Amino acid sequence: MKLKYFAALMAIALVGTSMAQDKNAPDSYIWYDGGKPKRVVVDSSLVAEFGNRAETDSAPVVKNGQVRVWRKDDAAVTKAGSEKLSPVLRDGVGGRMRALPGNIIVRLDPNWSTAQVDAWLASQGLTKVGQLPMANNLLILSAPPGLASLELANRLQESGTVISAQPDWWQQVERR
């Protein structure tokens, strides 16, 4: 009986730690870069939209390929499907913009065989959509856009079963 109670408490504790929002700063989130925690701050005035759609009467704040950053109160945001949106996050107040188009990058044990990787993916209910050539077992996994991809990456990082897990960020790039 005590063992079941302990297991239930541990499960609740683990679920609580996988939340990306920083409880000490409600306008910020934690993510992991190579296993090291980093903080991003929500830019409450902007929202990012991903995907291709017909032009609108409005002009986005930033347009880069299939990414458009809109002011949150712009009518174009209401015309975008909510499944294509992400909050805009910044590395710090006024810092570089980031958004979550979906998918996560996971680094698994490089010694795992293809069968072990496939078994792990199946056990987690995850789908591989690509592999990066920089390291063995460096995978791109399917995840929805927005904060759900950040939550998934953090949950995997905190599980201890991966070397690293992070969102596949869109980042604002400035020309030199």
C-alpha atoms as a PDB file:
ATOM      1  CA  MET A   1       0.000   0.000   0.000  1.00  0.00           C
ATOM      2  CA  LYS A   2       2.766   2.443   0.922  1.00  0.00           C
ATOM      3  CA  LEU A   3       4.560   1.630  -2.343  1.00  0.00           C
ATOM      4  CA  LYS A   4       1.478   2.537  -4.423  1.00  0.00           C
ATOM      5  CA  TYR A   5       1.093   5.811  -2.494  1.00  0.00           C
ATOM      6  CA  PHE A   6       4.778   6.640  -3.024  1.00  0.00           C
ATOM      7  CA  ALA A   7       4.535   5.824  -6.759  1.00  0.00           C
ATOM      8  CA  ALA A   8       1.481   8.072  -7.109  1.00  0.00           C
ATOM      9  CA  LEU A   9       3.265  10.954  -5.378  1.00  0.00           C
ATOM     10  CA  MET A  10       6.324  10.507  -7.592  1.00  0.00           C
ATOM     11  CA  ALA A  11       4.163  10.549 -10.732  1.00  0.00           C
ATOM     12  CA  ILE A  12       2.535  13.801  -9.597  1.00  0.00           C
ATOM     13  CA  ALA A  13       5.954  15.309  -8.833  1.00  0.00           C
ATOM     14  CA  LEU A  14       7.314  14.314 -12.245  1.00  0.00           C
ATOM     15  CA  VAL A  15       4.325  15.776 -14.055  1.00  0.00           C
ATOM     16  CA  GLY A  16       4.789  19.024 -12.127  1.00  0.00           C
ATOM     17  CA  THR A  17       8.453  19.329 -13.083  1.00  0.00           C
ATOM     18  CA  SER A  18       7.792  18.858 -16.782  1.00  0.00           C
ATOM     19  CA  MET A  19       5.875  22.127 -17.020  1.00  0.00           C
ATOM     20  CA  ALA A  20       7.827  24.627 -19.063  1.00  0.00           C
ATOM     21  CA  GLN A  21       6.385  27.760 -17.496  1.00  0.00           C
ATOM     22  CA  ASP A  22       8.627  29.227 -14.836  1.00  0.00           C
ATOM     23  CA  LYS A  23       6.516  29.397 -11.679  1.00  0.00           C
ATOM     24  CA  ASN A  24       8.712  32.223 -10.332  1.00  0.00           C
ATOM     25  CA  ALA A  25       8.164  34.348 -13.442  1.00  0.00           C
ATOM     26  CA  PRO A  26       4.773  33.657 -15.071  1.00  0.00           C
ATOM     27  CA  ASP A  27       5.709  35.517 -18.266  1.00  0.00           C
ATOM     28  CA  SER A  28       8.710  33.261 -18.899  1.00  0.00           C
ATOM     29  CA  TYR A  29       9.424  29.652 -19.810  1.00  0.00           C
ATOM     30  CA  ILE A  30      12.340  27.297 -19.324  1.00  0.00           C
ATOM     31  CA  TRP A  31      13.779  25.182 -22.139  1.00  0.00           C
ATOM     32  CA  TYR A  32      16.908  23.063 -22.360  1.00  0.00           C
ATOM     33  CA  ASP A  33      19.815  23.750 -24.703  1.00  0.00           C
ATOM     34  CA  GLY A  34      22.038  20.668 -24.731  1.00  0.00           C
ATOM     35  CA  GLY A  35      20.665  19.756 -21.321  1.00  0.00           C
ATOM     36  CA  LYS A  36      21.281  23.200 -19.801  1.00  0.00           C
ATOM     37  CA  PRO A  37      18.224  25.219 -18.728  1.00  0.00           C
ATOM     38  CA  LYS A  38      17.628  28.507 -20.520  1.00  0.00           C
ATOM     39  CA  ARG A  39      14.910  31.091 -19.965  1.00  0.00           C
ATOM     40  CA  VAL A  40      12.756  32.810 -22.576  1.00  0.00           C
ATOM     41  CA  VAL A  41      10.306  35.636 -21.971  1.00  0.00           C
ATOM     42  CA  VAL A  42       6.910  35.939 -23.640  1.00  0.00           C
ATOM     43  CA  ASP A  43       6.457  38.988 -25.864  1.00  0.00           C
ATOM     44  CA  SER A  44       2.789  39.527 -25.095  1.00  0.00           C
ATOM     45  CA  SER A  45       2.292  41.934 -28.003  1.00  0.00           C
ATOM     46  CA  LEU A  46       3.261  39.470 -30.790  1.00  0.00           C
ATOM     47  CA  VAL A  47       2.251  36.093 -32.187  1.00  0.00           C
ATOM     48  CA  ALA A  48       3.955  33.973 -34.880  1.00  0.00           C
ATOM     49  CA  GLU A  49       2.082  32.212 -37.671  1.00  0.00           C
ATOM     50  CA  PHE A  50       3.539  29.318 -39.662  1.00  0.00           C
ATOM     51  CA  GLY A  51       2.564  28.090 -43.100  1.00  0.00           C
ATOM     52  CA  ASN A  52       1.662  29.530 -46.424  1.00  0.00           C
ATOM     53  CA  ARG A  53      -1.599  31.358 -46.959  1.00  0.00           C
ATOM     54  CA  ALA A  54      -2.999  34.089 -49.131  1.00  0.00           C
ATOM     55  CA  GLU A  55      -1.787  37.612 -48.509  1.00  0.00           C
ATOM     56  CA  THR A  56      -3.813  39.795 -46.175  1.00  0.00           C
ATOM     57  CA  ASP A  57      -4.505  43.504 -46.056  1.00  0.00           C
ATOM     58  CA  SER A  58      -2.230  43.782 -43.040  1.00  0.00           C
ATOM     59  CA  ALA A  59       1.538  43.856 -43.024  1.00  0.00           C
ATOM     60  CA  PRO A  60       3.294  41.546 -40.559  1.00  0.00           C
ATOM     61  CA  VAL A  61       5.979  42.885 -38.235  1.00  0.00           C
ATOM     62  CA  VAL A  62       8.347  40.252 -39.652  1.00  0.00           C
ATOM     63  CA  LYS A  63       7.983  38.010 -42.698  1.00  0.00           C
ATOM     64  CA  ASN A  64      10.557  35.312 -43.325  1.00  0.00           C
ATOM     65  CA  GLY A  65       9.567  32.580 -45.778  1.00  0.00           C
ATOM     66  CA  GLN A  66       6.520  30.877 -44.320  1.00  0.00           C
ATOM     67  CA  VAL A  67       6.834  32.633 -40.939  1.00  0.00           C
ATOM     68  CA  ARG A  68       4.921  35.800 -40.196  1.00  0.00           C
ATOM     69  CA  VAL A  69       5.040  37.658 -36.912  1.00  0.00           C
ATOM     70  CA  TRP A  70       1.925  39.705 -36.227  1.00  0.00           C
ATOM     71  CA  ARG A  71       0.872  42.161 -33.584  1.00  0.00           C
ATOM     72  CA  LYS A  72      -1.508  40.213 -31.380  1.00  0.00           C
ATOM     73  CA  ASP A  73      -4.353  42.639 -32.010  1.00  0.00           C
ATOM     74  CA  ASP A  74      -4.004  42.500 -35.838  1.00  0.00           C
ATOM     75  CA  ALA A  75      -7.079  41.151 -37.623  1.00  0.00           C
ATOM     76  CA  ALA A  76      -4.813  38.808 -39.642  1.00  0.00           C
ATOM     77  CA  VAL A  77      -4.192  36.772 -36.472  1.00  0.00           C
ATOM     78  CA  THR A  78      -7.867  35.898 -36.155  1.00  0.00           C
ATOM     79  CA  LYS A  79      -7.859  34.630 -39.748  1.00  0.00           C
ATOM     80  CA  ALA A  80      -4.933  32.276 -39.055  1.00  0.00           C
ATOM     81  CA  GLY A  81      -5.800  28.798 -37.874  1.00  0.00           C
ATOM     82  CA  SER A  82      -4.916  28.466 -34.197  1.00  0.00           C
ATOM     83  CA  GLU A  83      -3.017  25.252 -34.985  1.00  0.00           C
ATOM     84  CA  LYS A  84      -0.499  27.367 -36.913  1.00  0.00           C
ATOM     85  CA  LEU A  85       0.250  29.871 -34.142  1.00  0.00           C
ATOM     86  CA  SER A  86       2.905  30.198 -31.464  1.00  0.00           C
ATOM     87  CA  PRO A  87       3.587  32.832 -28.864  1.00  0.00           C
ATOM     88  CA  VAL A  88       6.647  34.911 -29.624  1.00  0.00           C
ATOM     89  CA  LEU A  89       9.328  34.386 -27.011  1.00  0.00           C
ATOM     90  CA  ARG A  90      12.541  36.321 -26.531  1.00  0.00           C
ATOM     91  CA  ASP A  91      15.904  35.391 -25.064  1.00  0.00           C
ATOM     92  CA  GLY A  92      15.463  38.368 -22.734  1.00  0.00           C
ATOM     93  CA  VAL A  93      13.488  41.595 -22.669  1.00  0.00           C
ATOM     94  CA  GLY A  94      14.005  43.088 -26.132  1.00  0.00           C
ATOM     95  CA  GLY A  95      16.108  40.076 -27.201  1.00  0.00           C
ATOM     96  CA  ARG A  96      15.982  38.020 -30.379  1.00  0.00           C
ATOM     97  CA  MET A  97      12.540  36.616 -31.263  1.00  0.00           C
ATOM     98  CA  ARG A  98      11.853  32.895 -31.108  1.00  0.00           C
ATOM     99  CA  ALA A  99       8.736  30.875 -31.865  1.00  0.00           C
ATOM    100  CA  LEU A 100       7.683  27.237 -31.847  1.00  0.00           C
ATOM    101  CA  PRO A 101       6.661  25.960 -35.303  1.00  0.00           C
ATOM    102  CA  GLY A 102       6.481  22.376 -34.046  1.00  0.00           C
ATOM    103  CA  ASN A 103       8.811  19.391 -33.838  1.00  0.00           C
ATOM    104  CA  ILE A 104      11.607  18.776 -31.375  1.00  0.00           C
ATOM    105  CA  ILE A 105      15.243  17.735 -31.694  1.00  0.00           C
ATOM    106  CA  VAL A 106      16.273  14.799 -29.529  1.00  0.00           C
ATOM    107  CA  ARG A 107      19.692  13.281 -29.021  1.00  0.00           C
ATOM    108  CA  LEU A 108      19.566   9.661 -27.910  1.00  0.00           C
ATOM    109  CA  ASP A 109      22.374   7.398 -26.779  1.00  0.00           C
ATOM    110  CA  PRO A 110      24.666   7.160 -29.840  1.00  0.00           C
ATOM    111  CA  ASN A 111      25.269   3.477 -29.087  1.00  0.00           C
ATOM    112  CA  TRP A 112      21.596   2.542 -29.446  1.00  0.00           C
ATOM    113  CA  SER A 113      20.801   0.370 -32.435  1.00  0.00           C
ATOM    114  CA  THR A 114      18.013   1.198 -34.866  1.00  0.00           C
ATOM    115  CA  ALA A 115      15.855  -1.389 -33.123  1.00  0.00           C
ATOM    116  CA  GLN A 116      16.463   0.252 -29.728  1.00  0.00           C
ATOM    117  CA  VAL A 117      15.633   3.694 -31.114  1.00  0.00           C
ATOM    118  CA  ASP A 118      12.457   2.347 -32.741  1.00  0.00           C
ATOM    119  CA  ALA A 119      11.438   0.616 -29.503  1.00  0.00           C
ATOM    120  CA  TRP A 120      11.999   3.805 -27.506  1.00  0.00           C
ATOM    121  CA  LEU A 121       9.985   5.870 -30.009  1.00  0.00           C
ATOM    122  CA  ALA A 122       7.134   3.356 -29.840  1.00  0.00           C
ATOM    123  CA  SER A 123       7.201   3.279 -26.028  1.00  0.00           C
ATOM    124  CA  GLN A 124       6.918   7.091 -25.958  1.00  0.00           C
ATOM    125  CA  GLY A 125       4.287   7.288 -28.709  1.00  0.00           C
ATOM    126  CA  LEU A 126       6.586   9.494 -30.800  1.00  0.00           C
ATOM    127  CA  THR A 127       7.164   9.725 -34.550  1.00  0.00           C
ATOM    128  CA  LYS A 128      10.520  10.389 -36.196  1.00  0.00           C
ATOM    129  CA  VAL A 129      10.288  12.879 -39.066  1.00  0.00           C
ATOM    130  CA  GLY A 130      13.991  13.247 -39.752  1.00  0.00           C
ATOM    131  CA  GLN A 131      17.539  12.634 -38.641  1.00  0.00           C
ATOM    132  CA  LEU A 132      20.355  15.165 -38.396  1.00  0.00           C
ATOM    133  CA  PRO A 133      23.768  14.083 -39.711  1.00  0.00           C
ATOM    134  CA  MET A 134      25.882  15.800 -37.033  1.00  0.00           C
ATOM    135  CA  ALA A 135      25.658  12.871 -34.596  1.00  0.00           C
ATOM    136  CA  ASN A 136      24.382   9.322 -34.400  1.00  0.00           C
ATOM    137  CA  ASN A 137      20.788   9.150 -33.111  1.00  0.00           C
ATOM    138  CA  LEU A 138      20.143  12.890 -33.405  1.00  0.00           C
ATOM    139  CA  LEU A 139      16.483  12.904 -34.412  1.00  0.00           C
ATOM    140  CA  ILE A 140      13.744  15.320 -35.365  1.00  0.00           C
ATOM    141  CA  LEU A 141      10.483  14.185 -33.794  1.00  0.00           C
ATOM    142  CA  SER A 142       6.967  15.263 -34.642  1.00  0.00           C
ATOM    143  CA  ALA A 143       5.375  17.725 -32.221  1.00  0.00           C
ATOM    144  CA  PRO A 144       2.607  20.288 -32.623  1.00  0.00           C
ATOM    145  CA  PRO A 145       3.383  24.002 -32.945  1.00  0.00           C
ATOM    146  CA  GLY A 146       3.262  26.298 -29.956  1.00  0.00           C
ATOM    147  CA  LEU A 147       3.959  25.605 -26.322  1.00  0.00           C
ATOM    148  CA  ALA A 148       3.039  21.905 -26.707  1.00  0.00           C
ATOM    149  CA  SER A 149       6.397  21.297 -28.440  1.00  0.00           C
ATOM    150  CA  LEU A 150       8.241  23.050 -25.607  1.00  0.00           C
ATOM    151  CA  GLU A 151       6.371  20.967 -23.015  1.00  0.00           C
ATOM    152  CA  LEU A 152       7.208  17.725 -24.858  1.00  0.00           C
ATOM    153  CA  ALA A 153      10.890  18.611 -25.206  1.00  0.00           C
ATOM    154  CA  ASN A 154      11.110  19.480 -21.510  1.00  0.00           C
ATOM    155  CA  ARG A 155       9.304  16.302 -20.464  1.00  0.00           C
ATOM    156  CA  LEU A 156      11.761  14.182 -22.464  1.00  0.00           C
ATOM    157  CA  GLN A 157      14.784  16.124 -21.177  1.00  0.00           C
ATOM    158  CA  GLU A 158      13.653  15.755 -17.587  1.00  0.00           C
ATOM    159  CA  SER A 159      12.863  12.038 -18.012  1.00  0.00           C
ATOM    160  CA  GLY A 160      16.555  11.160 -18.072  1.00  0.00           C
ATOM    161  CA  THR A 161      16.090   8.809 -21.048  1.00  0.00           C
ATOM    162  CA  VAL A 162      17.600  11.229 -23.583  1.00  0.00           C
ATOM    163  CA  ILE A 163      20.937  13.006 -23.792  1.00  0.00           C
ATOM    164  CA  SER A 164      19.142  16.195 -24.823  1.00  0.00           C
ATOM    165  CA  ALA A 165      15.778  17.398 -26.089  1.00  0.00           C
ATOM    166  CA  GLN A 166      14.847  20.864 -27.289  1.00  0.00           C
ATOM    167  CA  PRO A 167      12.227  22.519 -29.459  1.00  0.00           C
ATOM    168  CA  ASP A 168      13.030  22.958 -33.134  1.00  0.00           C
ATOM    169  CA  TRP A 169      12.912  26.751 -32.767  1.00  0.00           C
ATOM    170  CA  TRP A 170      12.291  29.356 -35.417  1.00  0.00           C
ATOM    171  CA  GLN A 171      14.645  32.225 -34.577  1.00  0.00           C
ATOM    172  CA  GLN A 172      14.836  35.755 -35.875  1.00  0.00           C
ATOM    173  CA  VAL A 173      17.983  36.213 -37.930  1.00  0.00           C
ATOM    174  CA  GLU A 174      19.575  39.572 -38.447  1.00  0.00           C
ATOM    175  CA  ARG A 175      21.735  40.376 -41.453  1.00  0.00           C
ATOM    176  CA  ARG A 176      25.268  41.516 -40.769  1.00  0.00           C
END
